[in-house]
Protein backbone atom coordinates (compact mmCIF):
# COMPACT_ATOMS: atom_id res chain seq x y z
CA MET A 1 -37.64 34.01 46.73
CA MET A 2 -37.55 37.18 44.65
CA SER A 3 -40.77 39.13 44.20
CA GLY A 4 -40.73 38.26 40.51
CA ASP A 5 -40.58 34.59 41.41
CA LEU A 6 -43.57 34.95 43.79
CA GLN A 7 -45.71 36.19 40.89
CA ASP A 8 -45.21 32.85 39.15
CA ILE A 9 -46.15 30.75 42.20
CA HIS A 10 -49.51 29.03 41.66
CA ILE A 11 -51.41 28.25 44.89
CA LEU A 12 -54.72 26.40 45.29
CA ILE A 13 -56.89 27.13 48.38
CA VAL A 14 -59.53 24.46 49.18
CA ASP A 15 -62.11 25.27 51.89
CA ASP A 16 -65.88 25.08 52.09
CA GLU A 17 -66.02 28.42 53.98
CA GLU A 18 -65.96 31.34 51.55
CA SER A 19 -64.68 33.76 54.20
CA ILE A 20 -61.55 31.65 54.75
CA ARG A 21 -60.95 31.33 51.02
CA VAL A 22 -61.23 35.10 50.54
CA THR A 23 -59.09 35.86 53.59
CA PHE A 24 -56.30 33.46 52.63
CA GLU A 25 -56.33 34.78 49.03
CA MET A 26 -56.04 38.37 50.28
CA PHE A 27 -53.14 37.50 52.63
CA LEU A 28 -51.24 35.73 49.87
CA LYS A 29 -51.78 38.37 47.19
CA ARG A 30 -50.69 41.16 49.53
CA ALA A 31 -47.54 39.11 50.25
CA GLY A 32 -46.75 39.13 46.51
CA TYR A 33 -48.07 35.75 45.38
CA GLY A 34 -49.64 36.46 42.03
CA ARG A 35 -51.59 33.34 41.00
CA ILE A 36 -54.21 32.18 43.50
CA SER A 37 -57.01 29.70 42.71
CA THR A 38 -59.80 28.59 45.07
CA ALA A 39 -62.14 25.61 45.37
CA ALA A 40 -65.16 25.18 47.69
CA THR A 41 -65.65 21.43 47.32
CA MET A 42 -63.67 18.25 46.74
CA GLU A 43 -65.05 18.05 43.18
CA GLU A 44 -63.90 21.58 42.35
CA ALA A 45 -60.48 20.84 43.84
CA LEU A 46 -60.05 17.63 41.82
CA LEU A 47 -61.15 19.42 38.63
CA ALA A 48 -58.61 22.22 39.21
CA ILE A 49 -55.80 19.75 40.02
CA ASN A 50 -56.49 17.77 36.83
CA GLU A 51 -56.49 20.88 34.62
CA GLU A 52 -53.66 23.00 36.07
CA ARG A 53 -50.26 22.65 37.74
CA PHE A 54 -49.90 24.00 41.29
CA ASP A 55 -46.85 24.76 43.37
CA LEU A 56 -48.74 24.56 46.68
CA ILE A 57 -52.17 23.39 47.90
CA ILE A 58 -53.74 24.66 51.12
CA SER A 59 -56.77 22.55 52.12
CA ASP A 60 -59.12 22.27 55.06
CA ILE A 61 -59.02 18.78 56.51
CA VAL A 62 -62.84 18.76 56.78
CA LEU A 63 -64.78 19.52 53.60
CA GLU A 64 -68.47 19.38 52.89
CA GLY A 65 -69.25 15.75 52.14
CA ALA A 66 -65.58 14.71 52.09
CA LYS A 67 -62.28 14.83 53.93
CA GLY A 68 -59.06 16.63 53.14
CA THR A 69 -57.26 13.30 53.51
CA ASP A 70 -59.27 12.05 50.50
CA LEU A 71 -57.70 14.86 48.52
CA LEU A 72 -54.27 13.81 49.83
CA ARG A 73 -54.94 10.21 48.78
CA HIS A 74 -55.91 11.35 45.28
CA ILE A 75 -52.77 13.48 44.96
CA GLN A 76 -50.64 10.58 46.17
CA LYS A 77 -52.36 8.10 43.84
CA THR A 78 -52.00 10.26 40.71
CA GLY A 79 -48.32 10.97 41.45
CA LEU A 80 -48.76 14.74 41.60
CA ARG A 81 -45.58 16.33 42.94
CA CYS A 82 -46.77 19.25 45.03
CA PRO A 83 -46.59 20.16 48.77
CA VAL A 84 -49.91 20.22 50.66
CA VAL A 85 -50.59 22.15 53.88
CA MET A 86 -53.66 20.98 55.80
CA ILE A 87 -55.86 23.27 57.93
CA THR A 88 -57.68 21.66 60.89
CA GLY A 89 -60.02 23.00 63.56
CA PHE A 90 -59.55 19.96 65.80
CA PRO A 91 -55.87 19.06 65.91
CA ASN A 92 -55.02 15.69 67.41
CA LEU A 93 -52.41 12.93 67.01
CA GLU A 94 -54.58 10.80 64.70
CA THR A 95 -55.26 13.74 62.40
CA ALA A 96 -51.58 14.60 62.20
CA ALA A 97 -50.63 10.97 61.56
CA ASP A 98 -53.16 10.66 58.73
CA ALA A 99 -51.98 13.91 57.15
CA VAL A 100 -48.32 12.85 57.23
CA ARG A 101 -49.11 9.32 56.08
CA TYR A 102 -50.79 10.61 52.96
CA GLY A 103 -48.00 13.03 52.13
CA ALA A 104 -48.95 16.37 53.68
CA PHE A 105 -46.07 18.75 54.25
CA ASP A 106 -47.56 19.96 57.55
CA TYR A 107 -50.84 21.06 59.09
CA ILE A 108 -51.99 24.28 60.76
CA SER A 109 -54.50 24.58 63.58
CA LYS A 110 -57.37 27.05 63.33
CA PRO A 111 -57.65 29.93 63.78
CA VAL A 112 -54.93 30.84 61.25
CA ASN A 113 -53.51 34.34 61.35
CA LYS A 114 -51.65 36.06 58.56
CA GLU A 115 -48.13 35.52 59.92
CA THR A 116 -48.70 31.80 60.54
CA LEU A 117 -50.13 31.26 57.08
CA LEU A 118 -47.33 33.07 55.31
CA ARG A 119 -44.68 31.32 57.41
CA PHE A 120 -46.02 27.87 56.52
CA VAL A 121 -46.38 28.88 52.87
CA ARG A 122 -42.73 30.04 52.76
CA GLN A 123 -41.52 26.87 54.50
CA ALA A 124 -43.53 24.59 52.21
CA LEU A 125 -42.39 26.36 49.04
CA SER A 126 -38.77 26.48 50.23
CA HIS A 127 -38.86 22.77 51.08
CA TRP A 128 -40.46 22.02 47.71
CA GLN A 129 -37.79 24.06 45.90
CA LEU A 130 -35.04 22.14 47.70
CA GLN A 131 -36.72 18.86 46.79
CA LYS A 132 -36.87 19.86 43.13
CA GLU A 133 -33.22 20.94 43.15
CA LYS A 134 -32.25 17.69 44.86
CA LYS A 135 -34.15 15.67 42.27
CA LEU A 136 -32.60 17.66 39.43
CA LEU A 137 -29.14 17.14 40.90
CA GLN A 138 -29.81 13.41 41.29
CA GLN A 139 -30.95 13.24 37.67
CA GLU A 140 -27.83 15.08 36.51
CA ASN A 141 -25.61 12.82 38.61
CA GLU A 142 -27.35 9.73 37.26
CA LYS A 143 -27.01 11.01 33.70
CA TYR A 144 -23.31 11.76 34.28
CA ARG A 145 -22.82 8.32 35.86
CA ARG A 146 -24.46 6.60 32.89
CA TYR A 147 -22.37 8.72 30.53
CA LEU A 148 -19.16 7.67 32.28
CA GLU A 149 -20.30 4.05 32.23
CA VAL A 150 -20.93 4.27 28.48
CA ILE A 151 -17.46 5.71 27.91
CA PHE A 152 -15.88 3.20 30.26
CA SER A 153 -17.55 0.22 28.58
CA SER A 154 -17.25 1.47 24.99
CA VAL A 155 -13.56 2.36 24.84
CA SER A 156 -11.53 -0.25 22.94
CA ASP A 157 -8.67 -0.18 25.46
CA ALA A 158 -8.92 -2.45 28.48
CA ILE A 159 -9.42 -0.48 31.72
CA ILE A 160 -9.10 -1.88 35.26
CA THR A 161 -9.45 0.06 38.50
CA VAL A 162 -8.18 -1.37 41.79
CA ASP A 163 -8.23 -0.17 45.38
CA GLU A 164 -5.21 0.29 47.63
CA HIS A 165 -5.17 -3.47 48.31
CA THR A 166 -5.14 -4.31 44.55
CA ASN A 167 -8.70 -5.58 44.77
CA ILE A 168 -10.43 -5.21 41.41
CA VAL A 169 -13.04 -2.45 41.68
CA GLN A 170 -14.24 -2.24 38.10
CA LEU A 171 -13.52 -3.70 34.64
CA ASN A 172 -14.72 -2.47 31.28
CA ASN A 173 -15.90 -4.88 28.58
CA THR A 174 -12.50 -5.15 26.87
CA ALA A 175 -10.69 -5.93 30.13
CA ARG A 176 -13.33 -8.49 31.04
CA GLU A 177 -12.88 -10.13 27.64
CA TRP A 178 -9.06 -10.18 27.89
CA LEU A 179 -9.07 -11.54 31.42
CA GLY A 180 -11.95 -13.95 30.81
CA SER A 181 -9.77 -16.93 29.96
CA MET A 182 -7.38 -16.38 32.86
CA GLU A 183 -9.75 -15.19 35.61
CA PRO A 184 -10.50 -17.99 38.13
CA GLU A 185 -13.98 -18.18 39.59
CA GLY A 186 -14.55 -15.51 42.23
CA VAL A 187 -11.22 -13.71 41.69
CA ILE A 188 -11.38 -10.22 43.23
CA ASN A 189 -7.68 -9.39 43.50
CA LEU A 190 -5.01 -8.95 40.84
CA ALA A 191 -2.89 -11.45 42.76
CA GLY A 192 -5.36 -14.13 41.70
CA LEU A 193 -4.48 -13.72 38.00
CA SER A 194 -1.71 -16.12 37.00
CA ASP A 195 -1.26 -15.19 33.33
CA GLU A 196 1.47 -12.85 32.07
CA ILE A 197 -0.94 -9.96 31.63
CA GLY A 198 -2.33 -10.49 35.14
CA LYS A 199 1.17 -10.55 36.64
CA ALA A 200 2.05 -7.37 34.73
CA CYS A 201 -1.11 -5.63 36.03
CA LEU A 202 -0.27 -6.62 39.62
CA HIS A 203 3.34 -5.46 39.22
CA ASP A 204 2.37 -2.05 37.81
CA ALA A 205 -0.50 -1.49 40.26
CA THR A 206 1.81 -2.29 43.21
CA ARG A 207 4.37 0.28 41.97
CA VAL A 208 1.66 2.90 41.67
CA ILE A 209 0.12 2.18 45.08
CA ASN A 210 3.38 1.77 47.03
CA HIS A 211 5.43 4.52 45.43
CA GLY A 212 2.92 6.81 43.71
CA GLU A 213 4.71 6.24 40.40
CA THR A 214 3.12 6.50 36.98
CA VAL A 215 4.00 3.50 34.80
CA LYS A 216 4.16 4.19 31.06
CA GLU A 217 4.51 1.87 28.08
CA HIS A 218 5.13 -1.40 29.91
CA LEU A 219 5.18 -3.86 26.98
CA VAL A 220 4.06 -7.44 27.62
CA GLU A 221 3.65 -10.36 25.22
CA CYS A 222 0.64 -12.45 26.16
CA GLU A 223 -1.40 -15.24 24.67
CA MET A 224 -5.06 -14.40 24.27
CA LYS A 225 -7.89 -16.89 24.66
CA ASP A 226 -8.11 -17.32 20.86
CA GLY A 227 -4.52 -18.60 20.88
CA THR A 228 -2.94 -15.53 19.27
CA VAL A 229 0.07 -13.86 20.84
CA ARG A 230 -0.45 -10.12 21.22
CA MET A 231 1.78 -7.26 22.30
CA ILE A 232 0.05 -5.33 25.08
CA SER A 233 1.09 -1.86 26.26
CA LEU A 234 0.24 -1.14 29.93
CA ASN A 235 -0.05 2.31 31.48
CA ALA A 236 -0.86 2.68 35.19
CA ALA A 237 -1.54 5.83 37.21
CA PRO A 238 -2.70 6.79 40.71
CA LEU A 239 -6.48 6.87 41.14
CA LYS A 240 -7.56 9.89 43.22
CA ASP A 241 -10.89 11.31 44.26
CA SER A 242 -12.07 14.92 44.20
CA VAL A 243 -10.24 15.82 47.41
CA ASP A 244 -6.98 14.41 46.08
CA GLU A 245 -6.91 11.46 48.44
CA PHE A 246 -5.11 8.37 47.16
CA ASN A 247 -7.59 5.55 46.54
CA GLY A 248 -5.86 2.99 44.32
CA ALA A 249 -4.73 2.69 40.70
CA VAL A 250 -6.16 2.68 37.21
CA ILE A 251 -4.56 0.45 34.56
CA VAL A 252 -5.10 1.03 30.84
CA MET A 253 -4.05 -1.76 28.47
CA ARG A 254 -3.82 -1.33 24.70
CA ASP A 255 -3.22 -3.97 22.05
CA ILE A 256 -0.42 -2.49 19.94
CA THR A 257 0.14 -5.61 17.86
CA MET A 258 0.54 -4.36 14.32
CA ALA A 259 -2.36 -5.68 12.24
CA PRO A 260 -2.08 -6.02 8.47
CA PRO A 261 -4.09 -3.49 6.44
CA THR A 262 -7.55 -4.73 5.57
CA THR A 263 -8.58 -5.43 2.01
CA VAL A 264 -12.03 -5.33 0.48
CA GLY A 265 -13.46 -8.49 -1.05
CA PRO A 266 -11.82 -11.84 -1.72
CA LYS A 267 -8.55 -10.41 -3.08
CA ARG A 268 -5.35 -12.20 -2.12
CA THR A 269 -2.95 -10.09 -0.08
CA SER A 270 0.01 -12.33 -0.86
CA PHE A 271 1.16 -15.04 -3.22
CA ARG A 272 4.32 -17.06 -2.64
CA LYS A 273 6.76 -14.31 -1.59
CA PHE A 274 4.81 -11.49 -3.25
CA ILE A 275 2.90 -9.01 -1.09
CA GLY A 276 0.08 -6.95 -2.57
CA SER A 277 -3.68 -6.86 -3.09
CA SER A 278 -4.15 -4.48 -6.06
CA GLN A 279 -5.94 -5.72 -9.15
CA VAL A 280 -2.77 -5.60 -11.23
CA MET A 281 -1.08 -7.94 -8.72
CA GLN A 282 -4.10 -10.26 -8.75
CA ASP A 283 -3.57 -10.57 -12.50
CA VAL A 284 0.14 -11.31 -11.95
CA TYR A 285 -0.67 -14.01 -9.39
CA GLN A 286 -3.15 -15.69 -11.71
CA LEU A 287 -0.76 -15.51 -14.66
CA ILE A 288 2.08 -17.10 -12.66
CA GLU A 289 -0.26 -19.88 -11.50
CA ASN A 290 -1.39 -20.61 -15.06
CA VAL A 291 2.03 -20.32 -16.71
CA GLY A 292 3.84 -22.13 -13.91
CA ARG A 293 2.12 -25.40 -14.75
CA VAL A 294 3.03 -25.15 -18.44
CA ASP A 295 6.58 -26.28 -19.27
CA THR A 296 7.54 -23.38 -21.52
CA ALA A 297 10.02 -20.50 -21.62
CA VAL A 298 8.98 -17.33 -19.77
CA LEU A 299 10.33 -13.79 -20.03
CA ILE A 300 9.85 -11.70 -16.87
CA THR A 301 10.03 -7.96 -17.52
CA GLY A 302 9.83 -5.00 -15.19
CA GLU A 303 11.81 -2.21 -13.64
CA SER A 304 14.62 -2.92 -11.23
CA GLY A 305 13.29 -3.77 -7.79
CA THR A 306 9.85 -5.04 -8.86
CA GLY A 307 10.51 -8.67 -7.84
CA LYS A 308 11.58 -10.50 -11.00
CA GLU A 309 13.54 -13.08 -8.99
CA LEU A 310 10.50 -13.67 -6.79
CA ALA A 311 8.44 -14.27 -9.92
CA ALA A 312 10.98 -16.85 -11.13
CA GLU A 313 10.84 -18.62 -7.77
CA ALA A 314 7.03 -18.58 -7.85
CA LEU A 315 6.96 -19.99 -11.39
CA HIS A 316 9.30 -22.79 -10.36
CA ALA A 317 7.23 -23.51 -7.22
CA GLU A 318 4.04 -23.72 -9.30
CA SER A 319 5.61 -26.07 -11.89
CA LEU A 320 5.96 -29.83 -12.02
CA ARG A 321 9.71 -29.26 -11.63
CA LYS A 322 9.39 -27.86 -8.11
CA SER A 323 11.12 -30.88 -6.57
CA LYS A 324 14.14 -30.29 -8.82
CA PRO A 325 16.70 -27.47 -8.48
CA LEU A 326 16.17 -23.82 -9.40
CA ILE A 327 19.54 -22.51 -10.58
CA LYS A 328 19.99 -18.73 -10.72
CA VAL A 329 22.47 -16.85 -12.89
CA ASP A 330 22.95 -13.09 -12.75
CA CYS A 331 24.22 -12.45 -16.28
CA ALA A 332 25.22 -8.86 -15.49
CA ALA A 333 27.34 -9.86 -12.49
CA ILE A 334 29.54 -12.38 -14.33
CA PRO A 335 32.27 -11.15 -16.73
CA GLU A 336 31.53 -11.96 -20.35
CA ASP A 337 34.57 -14.23 -20.77
CA LEU A 338 33.50 -16.33 -17.78
CA LEU A 339 29.76 -16.45 -18.40
CA GLU A 340 30.07 -19.11 -21.13
CA SER A 341 32.03 -21.41 -18.82
CA GLU A 342 29.64 -20.63 -15.96
CA LEU A 343 26.63 -21.69 -18.01
CA PHE A 344 27.95 -24.54 -20.12
CA GLY A 345 30.94 -25.75 -18.09
CA HIS A 346 34.43 -26.58 -19.43
CA ARG A 347 37.00 -29.33 -19.73
CA LYS A 348 40.32 -29.21 -17.95
CA GLY A 349 42.86 -27.24 -20.02
CA ALA A 350 40.20 -25.63 -22.21
CA PHE A 351 41.66 -22.22 -21.40
CA THR A 352 44.22 -20.67 -19.11
CA GLY A 353 43.25 -21.35 -15.53
CA ALA A 354 40.98 -24.32 -16.34
CA ASP A 355 42.83 -26.70 -14.03
CA ARG A 356 39.93 -29.15 -13.71
CA ASP A 357 36.67 -30.19 -15.36
CA ARG A 358 33.70 -28.06 -14.38
CA LYS A 359 30.03 -28.80 -14.91
CA GLY A 360 28.07 -25.69 -15.82
CA ARG A 361 24.84 -24.30 -14.41
CA LEU A 362 22.82 -25.90 -17.20
CA PHE A 363 24.06 -29.32 -16.15
CA HIS A 364 23.16 -28.69 -12.50
CA ALA A 365 19.69 -27.46 -13.54
CA ASP A 366 18.87 -30.73 -15.35
CA GLY A 367 15.25 -31.64 -14.62
CA GLY A 368 14.66 -28.25 -13.02
CA THR A 369 14.71 -24.57 -13.94
CA LEU A 370 17.47 -22.16 -14.99
CA PHE A 371 16.78 -18.51 -14.18
CA LEU A 372 18.79 -16.05 -16.28
CA ASP A 373 18.55 -12.62 -14.70
CA GLU A 374 19.48 -9.49 -16.70
CA ILE A 375 19.37 -11.47 -19.95
CA GLY A 376 19.54 -8.23 -21.94
CA ASP A 377 23.21 -7.76 -20.98
CA ILE A 378 24.65 -10.95 -22.55
CA SER A 379 26.99 -10.73 -25.55
CA PRO A 380 26.05 -11.69 -29.15
CA ARG A 381 28.11 -14.89 -28.83
CA MET A 382 26.25 -15.93 -25.69
CA GLN A 383 22.96 -15.04 -27.35
CA LEU A 384 23.78 -17.46 -30.18
CA ARG A 385 24.81 -20.29 -27.85
CA LEU A 386 21.71 -19.82 -25.73
CA LEU A 387 19.51 -19.82 -28.84
CA ARG A 388 20.98 -23.14 -29.95
CA PHE A 389 20.34 -24.63 -26.53
CA LEU A 390 16.72 -23.51 -26.58
CA GLN A 391 16.26 -25.06 -30.00
CA GLU A 392 17.97 -28.39 -29.30
CA GLN A 393 18.09 -28.72 -25.46
CA THR A 394 21.75 -29.72 -25.88
CA PHE A 395 24.97 -27.87 -25.16
CA THR A 396 28.71 -28.46 -25.47
CA PRO A 397 31.03 -27.52 -22.58
CA VAL A 398 34.00 -25.33 -23.49
CA GLY A 399 36.85 -27.51 -24.77
CA GLN A 400 34.65 -30.57 -25.32
CA ASP A 401 33.41 -32.08 -28.60
CA ILE A 402 30.58 -34.22 -27.30
CA SER A 403 27.22 -32.51 -26.68
CA ILE A 404 25.27 -33.00 -23.47
CA GLN A 405 21.50 -33.20 -23.48
CA VAL A 406 19.52 -31.91 -20.51
CA ASN A 407 15.88 -31.17 -19.65
CA VAL A 408 15.86 -27.59 -18.41
CA ARG A 409 13.20 -24.93 -18.36
CA ILE A 410 14.50 -21.43 -19.08
CA ILE A 411 13.10 -18.40 -17.28
CA ALA A 412 14.72 -15.09 -18.23
CA ALA A 413 14.33 -11.62 -16.79
CA THR A 414 15.31 -8.12 -17.79
CA ASN A 415 14.68 -4.51 -16.80
CA VAL A 416 15.44 -3.15 -20.28
CA ASN A 417 13.19 -2.92 -23.31
CA LEU A 418 14.33 -5.99 -25.26
CA LYS A 419 12.10 -5.17 -28.21
CA GLU A 420 13.85 -1.82 -28.54
CA LYS A 421 17.22 -3.56 -28.31
CA VAL A 422 16.14 -5.90 -31.08
CA ARG A 423 15.16 -2.93 -33.22
CA ASP A 424 18.56 -1.32 -32.54
CA GLY A 425 20.43 -4.56 -33.30
CA GLY A 426 21.60 -5.12 -29.75
CA PHE A 427 19.65 -8.34 -29.19
CA ARG A 428 18.80 -11.24 -31.52
CA GLU A 429 15.20 -11.21 -32.65
CA ASP A 430 14.98 -15.01 -32.88
CA LEU A 431 16.29 -15.38 -29.32
CA TYR A 432 13.87 -12.71 -28.15
CA TYR A 433 10.86 -14.65 -29.42
CA ARG A 434 12.29 -17.94 -28.11
CA LEU A 435 12.51 -16.44 -24.64
CA LYS A 436 9.22 -14.59 -24.85
CA VAL A 437 6.85 -17.52 -25.32
CA VAL A 438 5.00 -16.02 -22.37
CA GLU A 439 5.82 -12.60 -20.91
CA ILE A 440 5.07 -11.67 -17.31
CA LEU A 441 5.13 -7.93 -16.83
CA LEU A 442 5.72 -6.86 -13.21
CA PRO A 443 4.23 -3.43 -12.51
CA PRO A 444 6.29 -0.71 -10.83
CA LEU A 445 5.31 0.15 -7.26
CA ARG A 446 3.94 3.54 -8.33
CA ALA A 447 1.35 1.63 -10.41
CA ARG A 448 0.23 -0.41 -7.38
CA LYS A 449 0.09 2.22 -4.63
CA GLY A 450 -2.62 0.25 -2.80
CA CYS A 451 -0.01 -2.40 -1.99
CA VAL A 452 2.24 0.01 -0.06
CA PRO A 453 0.56 -0.40 3.38
CA LEU A 454 0.75 -4.20 3.09
CA LEU A 455 4.42 -4.06 2.10
CA VAL A 456 5.19 -1.62 4.91
CA HIS A 457 3.53 -3.93 7.42
CA HIS A 458 5.49 -6.92 6.09
CA PHE A 459 8.91 -5.21 6.09
CA LEU A 460 8.25 -3.63 9.49
CA SER A 461 7.56 -7.08 10.95
CA VAL A 462 10.70 -8.47 9.33
CA TYR A 463 13.11 -5.78 10.51
CA ARG A 464 11.50 -5.37 13.91
CA ASP A 465 12.35 -8.99 14.66
CA LYS A 466 15.70 -8.89 12.88
CA LEU A 467 16.86 -5.78 14.75
CA ASN A 468 15.16 -6.84 18.02
CA LYS A 469 13.27 -3.54 18.27
CA ASN A 470 9.93 -2.81 19.96
CA ILE A 471 8.39 -1.13 16.92
CA PHE A 472 4.71 -1.94 16.50
CA SER A 473 3.18 0.78 14.33
CA ILE A 474 3.74 3.62 11.90
CA SER A 475 2.21 7.08 12.17
CA ASP A 476 -0.54 8.11 9.76
CA GLN A 477 1.62 10.95 8.43
CA ALA A 478 4.53 8.59 7.77
CA MET A 479 2.28 6.09 6.00
CA GLU A 480 0.74 8.85 3.88
CA LEU A 481 4.22 9.97 2.88
CA LEU A 482 5.14 6.45 1.78
CA CYS A 483 1.90 6.05 -0.19
CA ASN A 484 2.45 9.32 -2.07
CA TYR A 485 6.12 8.73 -2.96
CA ARG A 486 6.93 7.71 -6.57
CA TRP A 487 9.34 4.87 -5.63
CA PRO A 488 11.82 4.91 -8.53
CA GLY A 489 13.58 1.97 -6.86
CA ASN A 490 10.26 0.13 -6.42
CA VAL A 491 9.79 -2.53 -3.71
CA ARG A 492 13.54 -2.89 -3.13
CA GLU A 493 13.76 0.83 -2.29
CA LEU A 494 10.76 0.59 0.04
CA ARG A 495 12.37 -2.33 1.86
CA HIS A 496 15.57 -0.34 2.40
CA VAL A 497 13.61 2.72 3.58
CA ILE A 498 11.76 0.64 6.20
CA GLU A 499 15.00 -1.04 7.32
CA ARG A 500 16.65 2.38 7.74
CA ALA A 501 13.61 3.72 9.63
CA CYS A 502 13.69 0.73 12.00
CA VAL A 503 17.38 1.32 12.68
CA LEU A 504 16.82 5.01 13.47
CA CYS A 505 13.53 4.61 15.37
CA ASN A 506 13.90 4.99 19.15
CA GLY A 507 10.23 4.55 20.06
CA THR A 508 7.43 2.13 19.29
CA SER A 509 6.25 3.86 16.10
CA ILE A 510 7.93 4.78 12.82
CA LEU A 511 7.76 8.57 12.36
CA VAL A 512 8.35 10.91 9.43
CA GLU A 513 11.67 11.96 10.97
CA ASN A 514 12.97 8.39 10.47
CA PHE A 515 12.80 8.73 6.67
CA PRO A 516 15.56 10.02 4.35
CA LYS A 517 15.16 13.55 3.00
CA GLU A 518 14.26 12.43 -0.53
CA ILE A 519 11.14 10.76 0.90
CA LYS A 520 10.19 13.71 3.12
CA ASN A 521 10.75 16.31 0.40
CA ASP A 522 9.07 14.46 -2.46
CA VAL A 523 5.46 15.27 -1.53
CA GLY A 524 6.17 18.96 -1.12
CA ARG A 525 7.92 19.07 -4.46
CA LEU A 526 4.97 17.41 -6.17
CA GLU A 527 2.43 19.67 -4.47
CA ASN A 528 4.30 22.83 -5.44
CA ARG A 529 4.38 22.15 -9.17
CA VAL A 530 2.81 25.02 -11.08
CA ASP A 531 0.16 24.71 -13.75
CA SER A 532 2.66 25.79 -16.41
CA GLU A 533 4.11 22.28 -16.23
CA ILE A 534 0.86 20.65 -17.37
CA PRO A 535 1.49 21.05 -21.14
CA GLU A 536 4.99 19.66 -20.65
CA ARG A 537 3.60 16.71 -18.69
CA ARG A 538 1.03 16.10 -21.42
CA GLN A 539 3.75 16.02 -24.06
CA ARG A 540 5.82 13.60 -21.98
CA ALA A 541 2.75 11.40 -21.51
CA THR A 542 2.07 11.47 -25.25
CA ASP A 543 5.65 10.49 -25.99
CA MET A 544 5.46 7.72 -23.40
CA ILE A 545 2.22 6.30 -24.78
CA ASN A 546 3.08 6.62 -28.47
CA THR A 547 6.49 5.03 -28.10
CA ASP A 548 6.99 1.45 -27.04
CA MET A 549 8.29 2.42 -23.62
CA PHE A 550 8.21 -0.26 -20.98
CA ILE A 551 5.30 0.79 -18.79
CA SER A 552 2.21 -1.05 -17.61
CA GLU A 553 -1.25 -0.33 -18.97
CA GLU A 554 -2.31 1.01 -15.57
CA GLU A 555 0.62 3.44 -15.55
CA GLN A 556 -0.27 4.59 -19.09
CA ILE A 557 -3.82 5.35 -17.96
CA LEU A 558 -2.59 7.16 -14.83
CA SER A 559 -0.13 9.21 -16.87
CA ALA A 560 -2.83 10.16 -19.39
CA LEU A 561 -5.26 11.19 -16.64
CA GLN A 562 -2.61 13.23 -14.84
CA SER A 563 -1.50 14.99 -18.02
CA THR A 564 -5.08 15.95 -18.90
CA GLY A 565 -5.97 17.12 -15.40
CA GLY A 566 -8.42 14.24 -14.93
CA ASN A 567 -10.36 14.92 -18.15
CA LYS A 568 -11.43 11.43 -19.22
CA THR A 569 -12.44 12.41 -22.75
CA LYS A 570 -9.02 13.93 -23.48
CA ALA A 571 -7.28 11.03 -21.71
CA ALA A 572 -9.13 8.54 -23.94
CA GLN A 573 -8.08 10.52 -27.03
CA LEU A 574 -4.49 10.53 -25.82
CA LEU A 575 -4.62 6.76 -25.27
CA LYS A 576 -6.39 6.29 -28.66
CA ILE A 577 -9.22 4.28 -27.09
CA ASP A 578 -12.96 4.83 -26.64
CA ARG A 579 -14.10 6.64 -23.53
CA SER A 580 -16.21 3.61 -22.51
CA THR A 581 -13.09 1.45 -22.76
CA LEU A 582 -11.24 3.90 -20.53
CA TYR A 583 -14.00 3.71 -17.92
CA ARG A 584 -13.84 -0.10 -17.91
CA LYS A 585 -10.07 -0.10 -17.51
CA MET A 586 -10.25 2.51 -14.73
CA LYS A 587 -12.76 0.31 -12.90
CA ARG A 588 -10.54 -2.72 -13.40
CA TYR A 589 -7.50 -1.00 -11.90
CA ASP A 590 -9.59 0.69 -9.19
CA LEU A 591 -8.50 4.17 -10.31
């Protein structure tokens, strides 16, 4: 020990002879020990021990009215951790045995010279220091062991360690849960697991042990005990100790089955073929349910790619006509001179090329539903004929004089502003109101950004299976990019982007690099807009709100908030509503 350390050593000398106490204290102080206390009786010794901490106690084995072994018993009983050196004038085997039995470090026979005393003091203190270091090291090791156990048991991946004979050494909680339904009683070796995941673990562990290989991304489909089929990724590596000796293998299993994004509350994440959980989609679902049961004409409006055909299918599925046919007609895809015959049918010889009678789509839709997509593109003549049908539920095939009566529900859809076309004279007003008994407005994808993760998950599942690819996730950066994009092509564009990404993806996760440049560059372009554009944006927002442009209420609110830099008072003024009304609408749309 250093001389500075000796000054901090606290030693208690217990002896009923004052001369011995003084002599021992002098020896120790001259040797550099700085803190020496003395006691003449057992009572004084016990009082000192109870009040102070000592690093060493030197006690005579025979005290006035007591024994040194009584002091040892008290020290042992109270749990005091301190070495004790006994001094005896009559050394014998029984005395030594008693001293050791009660925890004495050693004992010294009288007379005690300086060198003997100091040697025993050094040995006792050195031994005590080693004991303290050993205890501290054991505590640190135990703390480190518990820390590793906490990590091992808390990690969500399943971890299994095996020895060189593939005997299971340790399992964490996740591995124990996964193997619980397939682990026979008393199984200690991977060979005893008969399930697919057990066979895969044995296969990978054997490769590691026999060849020293590291197995990465071994994908296995397995049925869990709850009956679900999960995709498990296995990674196995050699297990080595601190001296780099091969001891077995460690297997890490991760469930990479793509889970759908979670939603808060009782919101529906899908309806019929629609995917989405935003409030605006909840309103659409409820409207389709309510209108579907009512046998009336419906006009579905919305931008291209928002799912107007899906809405028509959902309306038909919710109606009493669901057992009857749903006939679809894309008015923009059929030439004008053929559309009339396509809808109403014709008699043989009615026009050049009519070599036989043909029953039109209206006839085939009898009892069911006729869906007229892109209704805004039909000619004035077709508008008139369709109006008459809606009024009378009868039609006359081309070249025939006798009318045919049918029971057909009409659902129309358009991506143009029909009211504006009516104002410009491009669409009949009476037909417009006949079609628009109930209007279902489908929001653009940019007005339902919260639905993007759900849609991505759905399309990724579809194209993963269709293309037979092992793609099970999408990176956070890629998902953020998709959520921030404006989606001018709406859900149809998103579907094509995911299909393209699945085609180009060579790994198990969709990455940013799998997207087209217009997706990757869009966020940067939006972030780099300068403040000088704000007045221009505000003017565009004002024009959008004040005109009868085809946008949803949620998009109007978003546009107003963006154009005013988030100022709710100015946004309310721009929207010409009270600020309290704006707050309610923002809460409704979760803005």
